[in-house]
Protein backbone atom coordinates (compact mmCIF):
# COMPACT_ATOMS: atom_id res chain seq x y z
CA UNK A 1 0.00 0.00 0.00
CA UNK A 2 2.80 2.26 0.95
CA UNK A 3 4.30 1.79 -2.47
CA UNK A 4 0.99 2.43 -4.11
CA UNK A 5 0.60 5.65 -2.14
CA UNK A 6 4.10 6.80 -3.19
CA UNK A 7 3.32 6.19 -6.87
CA UNK A 8 0.05 8.11 -6.77
CA UNK A 9 1.59 11.65 -6.91
CA UNK A 10 3.94 10.59 -9.73
CA UNK A 11 1.07 9.09 -11.71
CA UNK A 12 -1.00 12.20 -11.12
CA UNK A 13 1.87 14.47 -12.25
CA UNK A 14 2.39 12.36 -15.35
CA UNK A 15 -1.30 12.53 -16.18
CA UNK A 16 -1.31 16.29 -15.72
CA UNK A 17 1.79 16.57 -17.89
CA UNK A 18 0.04 14.58 -20.62
CA UNK A 19 -2.87 17.02 -20.51
CA UNK A 20 -0.50 19.92 -21.11
CA UNK A 21 1.22 17.91 -23.84
CA UNK A 22 -2.11 17.22 -25.55
CA UNK A 23 -2.99 20.90 -25.41
CA UNK A 24 0.43 21.77 -26.81
CA UNK A 25 -0.09 19.39 -29.74
CA UNK A 26 -3.44 21.01 -30.46
CA UNK A 27 -1.94 24.51 -30.39
CA UNK A 28 1.00 23.38 -32.52
CA UNK A 29 -1.41 22.07 -35.14
CA UNK A 30 -3.06 25.50 -35.20
CA UNK A 31 0.30 27.20 -35.72
CA UNK A 32 0.17 28.80 -32.27
CA UNK A 33 3.76 27.93 -31.36
CA UNK A 34 4.03 30.54 -28.61
CA UNK A 35 1.23 29.06 -26.48
CA UNK A 36 2.32 25.52 -27.38
CA UNK A 37 5.72 26.32 -25.86
CA UNK A 38 4.07 27.49 -22.62
CA UNK A 39 2.10 24.23 -22.37
CA UNK A 40 5.23 22.13 -23.02
CA UNK A 41 7.18 24.02 -20.35
CA UNK A 42 4.41 23.28 -17.84
CA UNK A 43 4.37 19.64 -18.90
CA UNK A 44 8.12 19.31 -18.48
CA UNK A 45 7.98 20.74 -14.97
CA UNK A 46 5.56 17.96 -14.10
CA UNK A 47 7.43 15.23 -15.98
CA UNK A 48 11.11 16.28 -16.42
CA UNK A 49 12.27 12.81 -17.50
CA UNK A 50 9.97 12.54 -20.53
CA UNK A 51 12.19 12.59 -23.60
CA UNK A 52 9.18 13.29 -25.85
CA UNK A 53 8.45 16.51 -23.99
CA UNK A 54 12.08 17.67 -24.26
CA UNK A 55 12.29 16.85 -27.98
CA UNK A 56 9.00 18.56 -28.83
CA UNK A 57 9.94 21.58 -26.74
CA UNK A 58 13.09 21.89 -28.85
CA UNK A 59 11.02 21.68 -32.05
CA UNK A 60 8.65 24.44 -30.91
CA UNK A 61 11.55 26.68 -29.84
CA UNK A 62 13.07 26.28 -33.30
CA UNK A 63 9.76 27.32 -34.87
CA UNK A 64 9.84 30.46 -32.71
CA UNK A 65 13.48 31.08 -33.75
CA UNK A 66 14.56 30.75 -30.12
CA UNK A 67 17.70 29.00 -31.27
CA UNK A 68 19.61 29.14 -27.99
CA UNK A 69 16.70 27.56 -26.13
CA UNK A 70 16.18 25.00 -28.88
CA UNK A 71 19.86 24.00 -28.71
CA UNK A 72 19.57 23.67 -24.94
CA UNK A 73 16.60 21.29 -25.26
CA UNK A 74 18.17 19.08 -27.95
CA UNK A 75 21.48 18.88 -26.08
CA UNK A 76 19.59 17.83 -22.95
CA UNK A 77 17.58 15.34 -24.99
CA UNK A 78 20.65 13.54 -26.40
CA UNK A 79 22.01 12.93 -22.87
CA UNK A 80 18.83 11.37 -21.48
CA UNK A 81 19.31 7.69 -20.54
CA UNK A 82 16.38 6.24 -22.49
CA UNK A 83 17.32 7.92 -25.80
CA UNK A 84 18.37 5.37 -28.43
CA UNK A 85 21.43 5.69 -30.65
CA UNK A 86 19.25 6.47 -33.65
CA UNK A 87 17.41 9.19 -31.72
CA UNK A 88 20.74 10.60 -30.50
CA UNK A 89 22.08 10.73 -34.08
CA UNK A 90 18.93 12.54 -35.17
CA UNK A 91 19.39 15.05 -32.33
CA UNK A 92 23.05 15.57 -33.31
CA UNK A 93 22.01 16.41 -36.87
CA UNK A 94 19.44 18.90 -35.60
CA UNK A 95 22.03 20.49 -33.30
CA UNK A 96 24.47 20.96 -36.20
CA UNK A 97 21.75 22.58 -38.30
CA UNK A 98 20.70 24.91 -35.49
CA UNK A 99 24.30 25.93 -34.78
CA UNK A 100 24.74 26.84 -38.44
CA UNK A 101 21.51 28.85 -38.47
CA UNK A 102 22.51 30.64 -35.26
CA UNK A 103 25.90 31.56 -36.69
CA UNK A 104 24.26 32.98 -39.81
CA UNK A 105 21.81 35.04 -37.75
CA UNK A 106 24.62 36.35 -35.56
CA UNK A 107 26.51 37.46 -38.68
CA UNK A 108 23.44 39.30 -39.96
CA UNK A 109 22.96 41.05 -36.62
CA UNK A 110 26.49 42.47 -36.58
CA UNK A 111 26.25 46.27 -36.67
CA UNK A 112 27.53 47.87 -39.83
CA UNK A 113 30.51 50.18 -39.40
CA UNK A 114 29.38 53.67 -38.55
CA UNK A 115 29.90 56.19 -41.30
CA UNK A 116 30.72 59.64 -39.99
CA UNK A 117 29.92 62.57 -42.22
CA UNK A 118 32.17 65.55 -41.67
CA UNK A 119 30.79 68.80 -43.03
CA UNK A 120 33.52 71.25 -43.98
CA UNK A 121 32.19 74.81 -44.04
CA UNK A 122 32.76 76.60 -47.29
CA UNK A 123 35.29 79.37 -47.31
CA UNK A 124 33.44 82.67 -47.66
CA UNK A 125 33.83 84.03 -51.13
CA UNK A 126 35.62 87.31 -51.47
CA UNK A 127 33.49 90.00 -53.07
CA UNK A 128 34.15 90.08 -56.76
CA UNK A 129 35.02 93.38 -58.35
CA UNK A 130 33.57 94.60 -61.61
CA UNK A 131 34.47 92.41 -64.58
CA UNK A 132 37.45 93.62 -66.62
CA UNK A 133 36.76 95.68 -69.69
CA UNK A 134 37.93 94.90 -73.17
CA UNK A 135 35.58 92.70 -75.20
CA UNK A 136 36.82 91.44 -78.54
CA UNK A 137 34.04 89.95 -80.63
CA UNK A 138 32.65 90.13 -84.15
CA UNK A 139 31.25 93.64 -83.67
CA UNK A 140 34.55 95.00 -82.35
CA UNK A 141 36.54 93.37 -85.14
CA UNK A 142 34.11 94.59 -87.83
CA UNK A 143 34.21 98.17 -86.58
CA UNK A 144 37.99 98.11 -86.38
CA UNK A 145 38.18 96.65 -89.88
CA UNK A 146 35.97 99.38 -91.29
CA UNK A 147 38.11 102.00 -89.54
CA UNK A 148 41.34 100.58 -90.95
CA UNK A 149 39.92 100.34 -94.47
CA UNK A 150 38.53 103.88 -94.25
CA UNK A 151 41.85 105.30 -93.10
CA UNK A 152 43.63 103.35 -95.81
CA UNK A 153 41.31 104.67 -98.52
CA UNK A 154 41.64 108.20 -97.16
CA UNK A 155 45.44 107.96 -97.19
CA UNK A 156 45.65 106.53 -100.72
CA UNK A 157 43.26 109.04 -102.26
CA UNK A 158 44.79 111.89 -100.27
CA UNK A 159 48.19 111.13 -101.76
CA UNK A 160 46.54 110.74 -105.17
CA UNK A 161 44.85 114.16 -104.82
CA UNK A 162 48.15 115.80 -103.90
CA UNK A 163 49.84 114.18 -106.88
CA UNK A 164 47.10 115.20 -109.32
CA UNK A 165 46.82 118.80 -108.17
CA UNK A 166 47.98 120.96 -111.15
CA UNK A 167 50.14 123.41 -109.23
CA UNK A 168 52.35 125.51 -111.52
CA UNK A 169 50.41 124.28 -114.60
CA UNK A 170 51.10 126.53 -117.63
CA UNK A 171 48.63 126.36 -120.49
CA UNK A 172 50.33 125.57 -123.71
CA UNK A 173 53.53 124.37 -122.08
CA UNK A 174 52.01 121.74 -119.81
CA UNK A 175 48.89 121.09 -121.84
CA UNK A 176 45.64 122.58 -122.97
CA UNK A 177 43.08 124.29 -120.82
CA UNK A 178 40.97 121.15 -121.01
CA UNK A 179 43.87 119.21 -119.54
CA UNK A 180 44.05 121.69 -116.68
CA UNK A 181 40.33 121.31 -115.99
CA UNK A 182 40.58 117.51 -116.12
CA UNK A 183 43.51 117.42 -113.70
CA UNK A 184 41.77 119.83 -111.36
CA UNK A 185 38.55 117.76 -111.38
CA UNK A 186 40.46 114.52 -110.79
CA UNK A 187 42.39 116.00 -107.86
CA UNK A 188 39.16 117.36 -106.40
CA UNK A 189 37.43 113.98 -106.71
CA UNK A 190 40.36 112.20 -105.06
CA UNK A 191 40.34 114.76 -102.27
CA UNK A 192 36.61 114.16 -101.65
CA UNK A 193 37.10 110.38 -101.61
CA UNK A 194 40.03 110.85 -99.24
CA UNK A 195 37.92 112.99 -96.90
CA UNK A 196 35.11 110.40 -96.92
CA UNK A 197 37.62 107.59 -96.34
CA UNK A 198 39.20 109.41 -93.39
CA UNK A 199 35.74 110.17 -91.96
CA UNK A 200 34.66 106.53 -92.24
CA UNK A 201 38.00 105.43 -90.79
CA UNK A 202 37.71 107.74 -87.80
CA UNK A 203 34.12 106.64 -87.13
CA UNK A 204 35.11 102.96 -87.45
CA UNK A 205 38.07 103.30 -85.09
CA UNK A 206 35.95 105.26 -82.61
CA UNK A 207 33.20 102.62 -82.75
CA UNK A 208 35.75 99.85 -82.24
CA UNK A 209 37.18 101.69 -79.24
CA UNK A 210 33.73 102.10 -77.71
CA UNK A 211 32.83 98.46 -78.34
CA UNK A 212 36.12 97.31 -76.82
CA UNK A 213 36.41 99.55 -73.75
CA UNK A 214 32.74 100.01 -72.87
CA UNK A 215 31.85 96.30 -72.57
CA UNK A 216 33.10 93.62 -70.14
CA UNK A 217 35.74 91.17 -71.28
CA UNK A 218 34.52 87.71 -72.31
CA UNK A 219 35.61 85.32 -69.53
CA UNK A 220 36.86 81.85 -70.41
CA UNK A 221 34.29 79.06 -70.22
CA UNK A 222 34.30 77.26 -66.89
CA UNK A 223 34.19 73.56 -67.67
CA UNK A 224 35.21 70.67 -65.43
CA UNK A 225 34.85 66.92 -65.10
CA UNK A 226 32.87 65.78 -62.07
CA UNK A 227 32.41 62.18 -60.83
CA UNK A 228 28.91 60.75 -60.39
CA UNK A 229 27.93 57.94 -57.99
CA UNK A 230 24.76 55.98 -57.51
CA UNK A 231 23.21 52.63 -57.01
CA UNK A 232 23.99 51.73 -60.59
CA UNK A 233 27.42 52.59 -61.99
CA UNK A 234 29.65 55.58 -61.58
CA UNK A 235 30.98 57.83 -64.32
CA UNK A 236 32.17 61.29 -65.31
CA UNK A 237 29.99 64.12 -66.51
CA UNK A 238 30.94 67.45 -68.06
CA UNK A 239 29.75 70.34 -65.94
CA UNK A 240 30.25 74.08 -66.19
CA UNK A 241 28.70 77.42 -66.95
CA UNK A 242 29.05 79.78 -69.85
CA UNK A 243 29.17 83.52 -69.34
């Protein structure tokens, strides 16, 4: 009787553990691994020597990605006295798989190296003075060309007028009166052309001077190569401004 009385609490605990185990199986089938784990933990407290409870607790912990706890359960399982060699080999294979998964998770959880961004303040720009004068472009060159041509024409025809002027002309000795009139008219015409040429030349040179000195100098084009970076591929682009 005494023996029977001693076995009664153990039998009662085992029966209670089986109730928790049955509930855990039901929850596991529903995909409720969290509550299934709670039921298995209660069952193991009541029946710590049940290898089925330990093994299934390890399975549920793996489903919940509680890898450290799962490894603890399977390592305890393989050392239990009533575990067969085949069951121990199966547990060893599971332990190896869980250790590999844990290592991979630990690698993924490693913090990435911190990237510090240092902002360097820009040096204040010095105030720019007025742009330099002296623009040479098509208008300046054209005006200067007209001025040079005008002065050249004025010089040529001025010399021609001086050479054709009939100073000291004596009718009869140097030619007829008609010759005198012709020379006089030719010298007068050359003088007029010379005056017009000089006038055009002076205007052209003056216009060129105004166009050159009154307008800002054309600055060189600012062009540079700049690197580009992105999620695709890097490269170089041509950047700059034109003034």
